[in-house]
N, C-alpha and C. Protein backbone atom coordinates (compact mmCIF):
# COMPACT_ATOMS: atom_id res chain seq x y z
N UNK A 1 -0.01 9.34 14.81
CA UNK A 1 0.30 8.56 13.62
C UNK A 1 -0.93 7.76 13.22
N UNK A 2 -1.28 7.79 11.94
CA UNK A 2 -2.43 7.05 11.45
C UNK A 2 -1.98 5.66 11.02
N UNK A 3 -2.45 4.65 11.72
CA UNK A 3 -2.04 3.28 11.46
C UNK A 3 -3.12 2.52 10.70
N UNK A 4 -2.81 1.32 10.27
CA UNK A 4 -3.75 0.45 9.60
C UNK A 4 -4.94 0.14 10.52
N UNK A 5 -4.69 0.08 11.80
CA UNK A 5 -5.76 -0.18 12.78
C UNK A 5 -6.88 0.85 12.64
N UNK A 6 -6.54 2.09 12.35
CA UNK A 6 -7.54 3.15 12.19
C UNK A 6 -8.42 2.87 10.97
N UNK A 7 -7.80 2.45 9.87
CA UNK A 7 -8.56 2.11 8.67
C UNK A 7 -9.49 0.93 8.95
N UNK A 8 -8.97 -0.08 9.63
CA UNK A 8 -9.79 -1.25 9.98
C UNK A 8 -10.97 -0.86 10.85
N UNK A 9 -10.78 0.08 11.77
CA UNK A 9 -11.86 0.53 12.65
C UNK A 9 -12.89 1.37 11.90
N UNK A 10 -12.42 2.24 11.01
CA UNK A 10 -13.31 3.15 10.27
C UNK A 10 -14.09 2.45 9.17
N UNK A 11 -13.45 1.53 8.46
CA UNK A 11 -14.06 0.89 7.28
C UNK A 11 -13.60 -0.56 7.19
N UNK A 12 -14.11 -1.42 8.08
CA UNK A 12 -13.60 -2.80 8.16
C UNK A 12 -13.74 -3.63 6.89
N UNK A 13 -14.85 -3.52 6.18
CA UNK A 13 -15.02 -4.30 4.96
C UNK A 13 -14.05 -3.84 3.89
N UNK A 14 -13.93 -2.54 3.72
CA UNK A 14 -12.97 -1.95 2.79
C UNK A 14 -11.55 -2.40 3.15
N UNK A 15 -11.17 -2.30 4.42
CA UNK A 15 -9.83 -2.68 4.86
C UNK A 15 -9.55 -4.15 4.55
N UNK A 16 -10.51 -5.01 4.77
CA UNK A 16 -10.33 -6.44 4.51
C UNK A 16 -10.10 -6.69 3.02
N UNK A 17 -10.82 -5.98 2.16
CA UNK A 17 -10.65 -6.16 0.72
C UNK A 17 -9.31 -5.61 0.25
N UNK A 18 -8.86 -4.50 0.81
CA UNK A 18 -7.53 -3.95 0.47
C UNK A 18 -6.45 -4.93 0.90
N UNK A 19 -6.56 -5.41 2.10
CA UNK A 19 -5.55 -6.36 2.60
C UNK A 19 -5.52 -7.62 1.74
N UNK A 20 -6.67 -8.09 1.32
CA UNK A 20 -6.75 -9.26 0.45
C UNK A 20 -5.97 -9.03 -0.84
N UNK A 21 -6.06 -7.82 -1.40
CA UNK A 21 -5.33 -7.51 -2.62
C UNK A 21 -3.83 -7.50 -2.35
N UNK A 22 -3.40 -6.93 -1.24
CA UNK A 22 -1.98 -6.92 -0.92
C UNK A 22 -1.46 -8.32 -0.61
N UNK A 23 -2.29 -9.16 -0.04
CA UNK A 23 -1.88 -10.52 0.31
C UNK A 23 -1.93 -11.47 -0.89
N UNK A 24 -2.36 -11.01 -2.06
CA UNK A 24 -2.50 -11.86 -3.24
C UNK A 24 -1.15 -12.31 -3.81
N UNK A 25 -0.07 -11.71 -3.38
CA UNK A 25 1.27 -12.08 -3.85
C UNK A 25 2.32 -11.45 -2.95
N UNK A 26 3.52 -11.94 -3.05
CA UNK A 26 4.61 -11.48 -2.20
C UNK A 26 5.13 -10.09 -2.59
N UNK A 27 5.32 -9.87 -3.88
CA UNK A 27 6.01 -8.67 -4.35
C UNK A 27 5.06 -7.52 -4.62
N UNK A 28 5.33 -6.41 -3.94
CA UNK A 28 4.59 -5.17 -4.13
C UNK A 28 5.53 -4.17 -4.82
N UNK A 29 4.99 -3.06 -5.32
CA UNK A 29 5.80 -2.03 -5.94
C UNK A 29 5.72 -0.77 -5.08
N UNK A 30 6.88 -0.23 -4.72
CA UNK A 30 6.92 0.96 -3.88
C UNK A 30 7.59 2.10 -4.64
N UNK A 31 6.97 3.27 -4.57
CA UNK A 31 7.54 4.48 -5.15
C UNK A 31 8.15 5.32 -4.04
N UNK A 32 9.38 5.77 -4.26
CA UNK A 32 10.07 6.68 -3.35
C UNK A 32 10.53 7.88 -4.17
N UNK A 33 11.13 8.86 -3.50
CA UNK A 33 11.64 10.04 -4.18
C UNK A 33 13.16 10.06 -4.15
N UNK A 34 13.76 10.18 -5.32
CA UNK A 34 15.22 10.28 -5.44
C UNK A 34 15.71 11.62 -4.87
N UNK A 35 17.01 11.73 -4.74
CA UNK A 35 17.61 12.96 -4.23
C UNK A 35 17.23 14.18 -5.06
N UNK A 36 17.09 14.00 -6.38
CA UNK A 36 16.74 15.11 -7.26
C UNK A 36 15.22 15.34 -7.33
N UNK A 37 14.44 14.57 -6.55
CA UNK A 37 12.98 14.73 -6.53
C UNK A 37 12.25 13.83 -7.51
N UNK A 38 12.99 13.15 -8.37
CA UNK A 38 12.37 12.25 -9.34
C UNK A 38 11.87 10.98 -8.67
N UNK A 39 10.93 10.29 -9.30
CA UNK A 39 10.40 9.06 -8.72
C UNK A 39 11.32 7.87 -8.93
N UNK A 40 11.28 6.93 -8.00
CA UNK A 40 11.98 5.65 -8.14
C UNK A 40 10.96 4.58 -7.73
N UNK A 41 10.84 3.52 -8.53
CA UNK A 41 10.02 2.40 -8.10
C UNK A 41 10.91 1.21 -7.83
N UNK A 42 10.54 0.46 -6.79
CA UNK A 42 11.30 -0.70 -6.35
C UNK A 42 10.35 -1.76 -5.88
N UNK A 43 10.79 -2.99 -5.94
CA UNK A 43 10.02 -4.08 -5.36
C UNK A 43 10.16 -4.04 -3.85
N UNK A 44 9.13 -4.49 -3.16
CA UNK A 44 9.19 -4.57 -1.70
C UNK A 44 8.22 -5.63 -1.21
N UNK A 45 8.38 -6.03 0.01
CA UNK A 45 7.44 -6.89 0.70
C UNK A 45 6.96 -6.12 1.92
N UNK A 46 5.76 -6.42 2.38
CA UNK A 46 5.28 -5.78 3.60
C UNK A 46 4.42 -6.75 4.37
N UNK A 47 4.13 -6.38 5.61
CA UNK A 47 3.33 -7.25 6.47
C UNK A 47 2.24 -6.45 7.16
N UNK A 48 1.06 -7.02 7.23
CA UNK A 48 -0.05 -6.48 8.02
C UNK A 48 -0.09 -7.31 9.29
N UNK A 49 0.08 -6.68 10.44
CA UNK A 49 0.03 -7.42 11.71
C UNK A 49 -0.26 -6.44 12.85
N UNK A 50 -1.13 -6.86 13.74
CA UNK A 50 -1.45 -6.07 14.94
C UNK A 50 -1.84 -4.63 14.62
N UNK A 51 -2.63 -4.45 13.56
CA UNK A 51 -3.09 -3.12 13.22
C UNK A 51 -2.04 -2.21 12.60
N UNK A 52 -0.95 -2.79 12.13
CA UNK A 52 0.14 -2.02 11.55
C UNK A 52 0.53 -2.59 10.19
N UNK A 53 1.12 -1.75 9.36
CA UNK A 53 1.75 -2.19 8.12
C UNK A 53 3.24 -1.91 8.29
N UNK A 54 4.07 -2.96 8.17
CA UNK A 54 5.51 -2.80 8.35
C UNK A 54 6.25 -3.38 7.15
N UNK A 55 7.48 -2.90 6.98
CA UNK A 55 8.34 -3.42 5.92
C UNK A 55 9.79 -3.18 6.30
N UNK A 56 10.68 -3.88 5.64
CA UNK A 56 12.10 -3.74 5.90
C UNK A 56 12.87 -3.46 4.62
N UNK A 57 14.09 -2.95 4.78
CA UNK A 57 14.96 -2.66 3.64
C UNK A 57 16.38 -3.08 3.97
N UNK A 58 17.05 -3.55 2.94
CA UNK A 58 18.45 -3.96 3.08
C UNK A 58 19.34 -2.74 3.27
N UNK A 59 20.46 -2.91 4.00
CA UNK A 59 21.36 -1.78 4.18
C UNK A 59 21.92 -1.29 2.83
N UNK A 60 22.09 0.00 2.73
CA UNK A 60 22.70 0.65 1.57
C UNK A 60 21.86 0.57 0.29
N UNK A 61 20.62 0.12 0.37
CA UNK A 61 19.79 0.09 -0.84
C UNK A 61 19.40 1.52 -1.22
N UNK A 62 19.16 1.73 -2.50
CA UNK A 62 18.79 3.06 -2.96
C UNK A 62 17.46 3.51 -2.36
N UNK A 63 16.50 2.58 -2.24
CA UNK A 63 15.22 2.98 -1.66
C UNK A 63 15.39 3.35 -0.19
N UNK A 64 16.31 2.72 0.52
CA UNK A 64 16.58 3.10 1.91
C UNK A 64 17.14 4.51 1.96
N UNK A 65 18.10 4.83 1.10
CA UNK A 65 18.64 6.19 1.06
C UNK A 65 17.52 7.20 0.75
N UNK A 66 16.63 6.81 -0.17
CA UNK A 66 15.51 7.69 -0.52
C UNK A 66 14.63 7.98 0.70
N UNK A 67 14.21 6.95 1.42
CA UNK A 67 13.24 7.18 2.51
C UNK A 67 13.88 7.80 3.74
N UNK A 68 15.18 7.62 3.91
CA UNK A 68 15.85 8.31 5.02
C UNK A 68 15.92 9.82 4.75
N UNK A 69 15.98 10.17 3.48
CA UNK A 69 16.01 11.58 3.07
C UNK A 69 14.59 12.17 3.03
N UNK A 70 13.63 11.40 2.50
CA UNK A 70 12.24 11.85 2.36
C UNK A 70 11.35 10.62 2.56
N UNK A 71 10.64 10.53 3.67
CA UNK A 71 9.93 9.29 4.02
C UNK A 71 8.63 9.05 3.25
N UNK A 72 8.26 9.92 2.33
CA UNK A 72 6.99 9.73 1.60
C UNK A 72 7.11 8.57 0.61
N UNK A 73 6.08 7.70 0.61
CA UNK A 73 6.05 6.54 -0.28
C UNK A 73 4.62 6.31 -0.78
N UNK A 74 4.54 5.58 -1.86
CA UNK A 74 3.28 5.01 -2.34
C UNK A 74 3.58 3.54 -2.63
N UNK A 75 2.67 2.66 -2.24
CA UNK A 75 2.90 1.23 -2.42
C UNK A 75 1.68 0.63 -3.11
N UNK A 76 1.93 -0.16 -4.16
CA UNK A 76 0.89 -0.79 -4.97
C UNK A 76 0.91 -2.29 -4.71
N UNK A 77 -0.26 -2.87 -4.64
CA UNK A 77 -0.40 -4.32 -4.44
C UNK A 77 0.18 -5.07 -5.64
N UNK A 78 0.33 -6.40 -5.53
CA UNK A 78 0.73 -7.18 -6.70
C UNK A 78 -0.29 -6.95 -7.83
N UNK A 79 0.21 -6.82 -9.05
CA UNK A 79 -0.65 -6.53 -10.19
C UNK A 79 -1.13 -7.83 -10.83
N UNK A 80 -2.45 -7.98 -10.91
CA UNK A 80 -3.05 -9.12 -11.58
C UNK A 80 -3.97 -8.60 -12.68
N UNK A 81 -3.94 -9.24 -13.82
CA UNK A 81 -4.76 -8.81 -14.95
C UNK A 81 -6.23 -9.15 -14.73
N UNK A 82 -7.13 -8.27 -15.20
CA UNK A 82 -8.56 -8.61 -15.17
C UNK A 82 -8.82 -9.80 -16.10
N UNK A 83 -9.75 -10.67 -15.73
CA UNK A 83 -10.08 -11.80 -16.62
C UNK A 83 -10.60 -11.30 -17.97
N UNK A 84 -10.14 -11.89 -19.05
CA UNK A 84 -10.57 -11.50 -20.39
C UNK A 84 -12.08 -11.66 -20.51
N UNK A 85 -12.74 -10.61 -20.96
CA UNK A 85 -14.17 -10.65 -21.20
C UNK A 85 -15.05 -10.49 -19.97
N UNK A 86 -14.45 -10.45 -18.79
CA UNK A 86 -15.25 -10.31 -17.57
C UNK A 86 -14.52 -9.45 -16.54
N UNK A 87 -14.38 -8.15 -16.82
CA UNK A 87 -13.64 -7.28 -15.91
C UNK A 87 -14.19 -7.25 -14.49
N UNK A 88 -15.48 -7.50 -14.31
CA UNK A 88 -16.05 -7.45 -12.96
C UNK A 88 -15.57 -8.61 -12.10
N UNK A 89 -14.99 -9.64 -12.70
CA UNK A 89 -14.43 -10.75 -11.92
C UNK A 89 -13.04 -10.42 -11.37
N UNK A 90 -12.50 -9.27 -11.79
CA UNK A 90 -11.19 -8.81 -11.32
C UNK A 90 -11.32 -8.29 -9.90
N UNK A 91 -10.45 -8.70 -9.02
CA UNK A 91 -10.49 -8.25 -7.63
C UNK A 91 -10.08 -6.78 -7.48
N UNK A 92 -9.38 -6.24 -8.48
CA UNK A 92 -9.01 -4.83 -8.46
C UNK A 92 -7.58 -4.59 -8.03
N UNK A 93 -7.25 -3.31 -7.92
CA UNK A 93 -5.93 -2.85 -7.50
C UNK A 93 -6.06 -2.09 -6.18
N UNK A 94 -5.09 -2.25 -5.32
CA UNK A 94 -5.06 -1.51 -4.06
C UNK A 94 -3.75 -0.75 -3.95
N UNK A 95 -3.84 0.44 -3.34
CA UNK A 95 -2.66 1.29 -3.17
C UNK A 95 -2.73 1.95 -1.80
N UNK A 96 -1.57 2.17 -1.22
CA UNK A 96 -1.48 2.94 0.01
C UNK A 96 -0.43 4.03 -0.18
N UNK A 97 -0.59 5.13 0.53
CA UNK A 97 0.40 6.20 0.47
C UNK A 97 0.53 6.82 1.86
N UNK A 98 1.72 7.26 2.15
CA UNK A 98 1.99 7.89 3.44
C UNK A 98 3.47 8.09 3.64
N UNK A 99 3.90 7.96 4.88
CA UNK A 99 5.30 8.14 5.24
C UNK A 99 5.80 6.93 6.00
N UNK A 100 7.07 6.60 5.83
CA UNK A 100 7.67 5.51 6.58
C UNK A 100 8.30 6.06 7.85
N UNK A 101 7.97 5.41 8.97
CA UNK A 101 8.47 5.79 10.28
C UNK A 101 9.39 4.66 10.76
N UNK A 102 10.64 4.96 11.09
CA UNK A 102 11.55 3.90 11.55
C UNK A 102 11.03 3.22 12.82
N UNK A 103 11.21 1.90 12.88
CA UNK A 103 10.88 1.10 14.06
C UNK A 103 12.05 0.16 14.32
N UNK A 104 12.05 -0.50 15.46
CA UNK A 104 13.11 -1.46 15.78
C UNK A 104 13.09 -2.61 14.78
N UNK A 105 14.27 -3.03 14.34
CA UNK A 105 14.36 -4.16 13.41
C UNK A 105 13.86 -5.42 14.06
N UNK A 106 13.31 -6.29 13.24
CA UNK A 106 12.80 -7.57 13.71
C UNK A 106 13.94 -8.59 13.77
N UNK A 107 13.90 -9.52 14.73
CA UNK A 107 14.97 -10.51 14.85
C UNK A 107 15.15 -11.37 13.59
N UNK A 108 14.11 -11.54 12.81
CA UNK A 108 14.18 -12.37 11.61
C UNK A 108 14.84 -11.66 10.43
N UNK A 109 15.12 -10.37 10.55
CA UNK A 109 15.69 -9.61 9.45
C UNK A 109 17.22 -9.70 9.44
N UNK A 110 17.83 -9.56 8.27
CA UNK A 110 19.29 -9.61 8.18
C UNK A 110 19.94 -8.49 8.99
N UNK A 111 21.13 -8.73 9.52
CA UNK A 111 21.84 -7.68 10.27
C UNK A 111 22.03 -6.43 9.41
N UNK A 112 21.83 -5.27 10.01
CA UNK A 112 22.03 -4.01 9.31
C UNK A 112 20.82 -3.53 8.53
N UNK A 113 19.78 -4.34 8.47
CA UNK A 113 18.60 -3.91 7.73
C UNK A 113 17.82 -2.87 8.54
N UNK A 114 16.93 -2.17 7.88
CA UNK A 114 16.12 -1.14 8.53
C UNK A 114 14.66 -1.52 8.43
N UNK A 115 13.89 -1.25 9.48
CA UNK A 115 12.47 -1.57 9.52
C UNK A 115 11.66 -0.30 9.67
N UNK A 116 10.46 -0.32 9.09
CA UNK A 116 9.60 0.85 9.08
C UNK A 116 8.15 0.44 9.27
N UNK A 117 7.36 1.39 9.80
CA UNK A 117 5.91 1.27 9.81
C UNK A 117 5.38 2.35 8.88
N UNK A 118 4.28 2.03 8.17
CA UNK A 118 3.67 3.01 7.28
C UNK A 118 2.69 3.86 8.07
N UNK A 119 2.92 5.17 8.07
CA UNK A 119 1.97 6.14 8.61
C UNK A 119 1.10 6.54 7.43
N UNK A 120 -0.17 6.17 7.47
CA UNK A 120 -1.05 6.29 6.31
C UNK A 120 -1.63 7.68 6.10
N UNK A 121 -1.65 8.11 4.84
CA UNK A 121 -2.39 9.28 4.40
C UNK A 121 -3.63 8.84 3.63
N UNK A 122 -3.45 7.82 2.76
CA UNK A 122 -4.58 7.35 1.96
C UNK A 122 -4.44 5.88 1.62
N UNK A 123 -5.60 5.26 1.39
CA UNK A 123 -5.71 3.87 0.97
C UNK A 123 -6.76 3.87 -0.14
N UNK A 124 -6.45 3.20 -1.26
CA UNK A 124 -7.36 3.22 -2.42
C UNK A 124 -7.55 1.81 -2.95
N UNK A 125 -8.79 1.50 -3.32
CA UNK A 125 -9.14 0.24 -3.97
C UNK A 125 -9.93 0.58 -5.22
N UNK A 126 -9.49 0.06 -6.38
CA UNK A 126 -10.13 0.35 -7.65
C UNK A 126 -10.53 -0.98 -8.29
N UNK A 127 -11.77 -1.05 -8.80
CA UNK A 127 -12.26 -2.27 -9.45
C UNK A 127 -13.41 -1.92 -10.39
N UNK A 128 -13.88 -2.90 -11.16
CA UNK A 128 -14.98 -2.72 -12.09
C UNK A 128 -16.25 -3.27 -11.44
N UNK A 129 -17.37 -2.54 -11.60
CA UNK A 129 -18.63 -2.97 -10.99
C UNK A 129 -19.19 -4.24 -11.64
N UNK A 130 -20.21 -4.83 -11.02
CA UNK A 130 -20.79 -6.08 -11.49
C UNK A 130 -21.38 -6.01 -12.89
N UNK A 131 -21.78 -4.82 -13.33
CA UNK A 131 -22.36 -4.68 -14.66
C UNK A 131 -21.30 -4.50 -15.75
N UNK A 132 -20.04 -4.44 -15.36
CA UNK A 132 -18.92 -4.24 -16.29
C UNK A 132 -19.01 -2.90 -17.03
N UNK A 133 -19.64 -1.90 -16.42
CA UNK A 133 -19.80 -0.62 -17.10
C UNK A 133 -19.19 0.55 -16.34
N UNK A 134 -18.84 0.36 -15.09
CA UNK A 134 -18.33 1.47 -14.29
C UNK A 134 -17.06 1.08 -13.53
N UNK A 135 -16.18 2.03 -13.40
CA UNK A 135 -15.01 1.88 -12.56
C UNK A 135 -15.39 2.39 -11.17
N UNK A 136 -15.10 1.62 -10.16
CA UNK A 136 -15.41 2.00 -8.78
C UNK A 136 -14.10 2.30 -8.07
N UNK A 137 -14.03 3.46 -7.44
CA UNK A 137 -12.85 3.86 -6.68
C UNK A 137 -13.29 4.08 -5.24
N UNK A 138 -12.86 3.19 -4.37
CA UNK A 138 -13.11 3.36 -2.94
C UNK A 138 -11.82 3.90 -2.33
N UNK A 139 -11.94 4.83 -1.39
CA UNK A 139 -10.73 5.36 -0.77
C UNK A 139 -10.99 5.72 0.69
N UNK A 140 -9.92 5.73 1.42
CA UNK A 140 -9.92 6.18 2.82
C UNK A 140 -8.78 7.18 2.93
N UNK A 141 -9.07 8.34 3.50
CA UNK A 141 -8.06 9.37 3.71
C UNK A 141 -8.04 9.77 5.18
N UNK A 142 -6.85 9.97 5.72
CA UNK A 142 -6.72 10.42 7.10
C UNK A 142 -7.47 11.74 7.24
N UNK A 143 -8.31 11.84 8.24
CA UNK A 143 -9.07 13.06 8.48
C UNK A 143 -10.37 13.15 7.73
N UNK A 144 -10.57 12.31 6.70
CA UNK A 144 -11.80 12.34 5.93
C UNK A 144 -12.56 11.03 5.98
N UNK A 145 -11.84 9.93 6.13
CA UNK A 145 -12.49 8.63 6.19
C UNK A 145 -12.72 8.01 4.83
N UNK A 146 -13.71 7.10 4.77
CA UNK A 146 -13.99 6.31 3.58
C UNK A 146 -14.96 7.02 2.65
N UNK A 147 -14.76 6.84 1.34
CA UNK A 147 -15.74 7.31 0.36
C UNK A 147 -15.65 6.42 -0.87
N UNK A 148 -16.70 6.48 -1.69
CA UNK A 148 -16.74 5.71 -2.93
C UNK A 148 -17.14 6.63 -4.08
N UNK A 149 -16.43 6.50 -5.21
CA UNK A 149 -16.75 7.25 -6.42
C UNK A 149 -16.95 6.22 -7.53
N UNK A 150 -18.02 6.38 -8.31
CA UNK A 150 -18.29 5.49 -9.44
C UNK A 150 -18.14 6.31 -10.71
N UNK A 151 -17.32 5.80 -11.63
CA UNK A 151 -17.05 6.52 -12.90
C UNK A 151 -17.45 5.65 -14.08
N UNK A 152 -17.98 6.30 -15.12
CA UNK A 152 -18.30 5.55 -16.34
C UNK A 152 -17.08 5.36 -17.19
């Protein structure tokens, strides 16, 4: 299983910046797959701790039914607008994608809730460069590691 610890070990500066984006607010957006294969987006919270990314879900929630059927997810950090007139001052957007693996529920969670760890396939950070002329896409993929692409 590819954990957050692997990303931190492979690309520590990148991992710190991604985590900073996720920690910028409580509410993240998670995409799951409905029974018919269509996408569903839901709000979620997650935690980075001990080299892992974990999250919980309330019993009988639609997103819980989705991930029990198909554990693939994509999760987006809280969305913050770029500063007007100075896009390079924007911290950017971060995204993770992978599969949710069930883990033991935490004592602090409501009874009947379900807990998961994210098994990572990819981590992406997108932002505008200092010259305000290029979009920078940094990514980490399981089996490939970190890379950076600069687009005009």
